[in-house]
Amino acid sequence: MYKKIEFLNKNQIETVNIIRSEVQDRYWILNKIRLSEFLYSVKEYGTPEFYDDFKRINQITLPCVIFDTHENTLTAAIFFESEPAAEEVLKGAGVTYIMINQTKDALTHPELLRFYRE
């Protein structure tokens, strides 16, 4: 038997809806995706180093991402709580890490504005 759980809280839903309504058409907003869906270790497949890298990124769930459909790549990850481990991995991979503390930040955060329509 299973019960349904809250996927996003009310503030997160409001924030995501703001972002979704403002981004350019080329970007998709996706929620609750494992980082391993977007990153792959450069270490040799089958080695302990590869497995360690995979375990590290597979433990990270991205609350909200901006996916560029023209480039077919993860462009930014949006967090509602600080995640230092995720921030380190994302920055190392050239992915923008965005921290949203309040819903209003969705309209004013400088890192988000570059994805928005003019």
Protein backbone atom coordinates (compact mmCIF):
# COMPACT_ATOMS: atom_id res chain seq x y z
CA MET A 1 0.00 0.00 0.00
CA TYR A 2 1.28 3.49 -0.79
CA LYS A 3 0.24 7.01 -0.05
CA LYS A 4 0.81 10.07 -2.17
CA ILE A 5 3.34 12.56 -0.87
CA GLU A 6 3.76 16.28 -1.42
CA PHE A 7 5.90 16.69 -4.54
CA LEU A 8 6.49 20.43 -4.09
CA ASN A 9 5.24 22.70 -1.35
CA LYS A 10 3.02 25.71 -2.03
CA ASN A 11 5.90 28.22 -2.18
CA GLN A 12 7.92 25.99 -4.50
CA ILE A 13 4.93 25.58 -6.82
CA GLU A 14 4.42 29.34 -6.92
CA THR A 15 8.11 29.92 -7.63
CA VAL A 16 8.25 27.29 -10.37
CA ASN A 17 5.12 28.73 -12.00
CA ILE A 18 6.71 32.19 -12.07
CA ILE A 19 9.89 30.83 -13.62
CA ARG A 20 7.96 28.73 -16.14
CA SER A 21 5.92 31.74 -17.26
CA GLU A 22 9.00 33.94 -17.69
CA VAL A 23 11.56 31.72 -19.42
CA GLN A 24 12.19 31.83 -23.14
CA ASP A 25 10.54 29.09 -25.21
CA ARG A 26 13.83 27.24 -25.71
CA TYR A 27 13.99 26.34 -22.00
CA TRP A 28 12.06 23.63 -20.20
CA ILE A 29 11.55 23.65 -16.45
CA LEU A 30 11.81 20.18 -14.92
CA ASN A 31 11.41 19.18 -11.29
CA LYS A 32 12.93 16.59 -8.98
CA ILE A 33 15.40 14.97 -11.34
CA ARG A 34 18.53 13.08 -10.31
CA LEU A 35 21.76 14.74 -11.37
CA SER A 36 22.89 11.43 -12.90
CA GLU A 37 20.31 12.00 -15.66
CA PHE A 38 22.46 14.90 -16.91
CA LEU A 39 26.07 14.20 -15.91
CA TYR A 40 28.29 11.21 -16.64
CA SER A 41 31.70 10.51 -15.15
CA VAL A 42 34.73 11.01 -17.38
CA LYS A 43 36.53 8.23 -15.49
CA GLU A 44 36.93 4.87 -17.23
CA TYR A 45 33.71 2.87 -17.10
CA GLY A 46 33.84 -0.02 -14.63
CA THR A 47 36.61 1.41 -12.46
CA PRO A 48 36.15 2.18 -8.77
CA GLU A 49 36.63 5.87 -9.58
CA PHE A 50 33.78 5.76 -12.10
CA TYR A 51 31.53 4.05 -9.56
CA ASP A 52 32.44 6.60 -6.86
CA ASP A 53 31.60 9.47 -9.23
CA PHE A 54 28.30 7.83 -10.17
CA LYS A 55 27.33 7.28 -6.52
CA ARG A 56 28.12 10.91 -5.75
CA ILE A 57 25.97 12.39 -8.51
CA ASN A 58 23.20 9.82 -8.19
CA GLN A 59 22.61 10.90 -4.58
CA ILE A 60 21.81 14.46 -5.68
CA THR A 61 18.23 15.29 -6.63
CA LEU A 62 17.78 18.61 -8.41
CA PRO A 63 14.63 20.35 -7.14
CA CYS A 64 14.19 22.41 -10.29
CA VAL A 65 16.25 22.62 -13.48
CA ILE A 66 16.40 24.75 -16.57
CA PHE A 67 17.00 22.54 -19.59
CA ASP A 68 18.07 24.13 -22.88
CA THR A 69 16.24 22.35 -25.71
CA HIS A 70 18.39 24.01 -28.39
CA GLU A 71 21.64 22.81 -26.84
CA ASN A 72 20.12 19.61 -25.35
CA THR A 73 21.83 20.28 -22.04
CA LEU A 74 21.28 21.12 -18.41
CA THR A 75 21.83 24.86 -18.10
CA ALA A 76 20.94 25.68 -14.49
CA ALA A 77 19.74 24.06 -11.29
CA ILE A 78 17.50 25.91 -8.86
CA PHE A 79 17.54 25.06 -5.17
CA PHE A 80 15.21 26.15 -2.39
CA GLU A 81 17.66 25.10 0.35
CA SER A 82 21.45 25.24 0.35
CA GLU A 83 23.10 22.11 -1.07
CA PRO A 84 26.89 22.59 -0.94
CA ALA A 85 27.70 19.16 -2.41
CA ALA A 86 25.41 19.80 -5.38
CA GLU A 87 26.77 23.31 -5.82
CA GLU A 88 30.34 22.00 -6.02
CA VAL A 89 29.50 19.32 -8.61
CA LEU A 90 27.33 21.64 -10.72
CA LYS A 91 29.87 24.45 -10.82
CA GLY A 92 32.59 21.94 -11.73
CA ALA A 93 30.43 20.81 -14.66
CA GLY A 94 29.72 24.37 -15.83
CA VAL A 95 26.08 24.34 -14.71
CA THR A 96 24.67 27.45 -13.03
CA TYR A 97 23.66 26.90 -9.38
CA ILE A 98 20.80 29.20 -8.33
CA MET A 99 19.57 29.54 -4.76
CA ILE A 100 16.02 30.87 -4.29
CA ASN A 101 15.20 31.88 -0.72
CA GLN A 102 11.85 33.54 -1.33
CA THR A 103 9.25 33.41 -4.09
CA LYS A 104 9.99 37.02 -5.06
CA ASP A 105 13.57 35.98 -5.91
CA ALA A 106 12.16 34.23 -8.97
CA LEU A 107 11.52 37.67 -10.48
CA THR A 108 14.75 39.37 -9.41
CA HIS A 109 17.57 36.82 -9.20
CA PRO A 110 20.25 37.97 -11.67
CA GLU A 111 21.19 34.42 -12.69
CA LEU A 112 17.56 33.70 -13.61
CA LEU A 113 16.98 36.90 -15.57
CA ARG A 114 19.25 35.76 -18.41
CA PHE A 115 16.80 32.93 -19.17
CA TYR A 116 13.75 35.20 -19.24
CA ARG A 117 12.00 36.82 -22.16
CA GLU A 118 12.73 40.50 -22.61
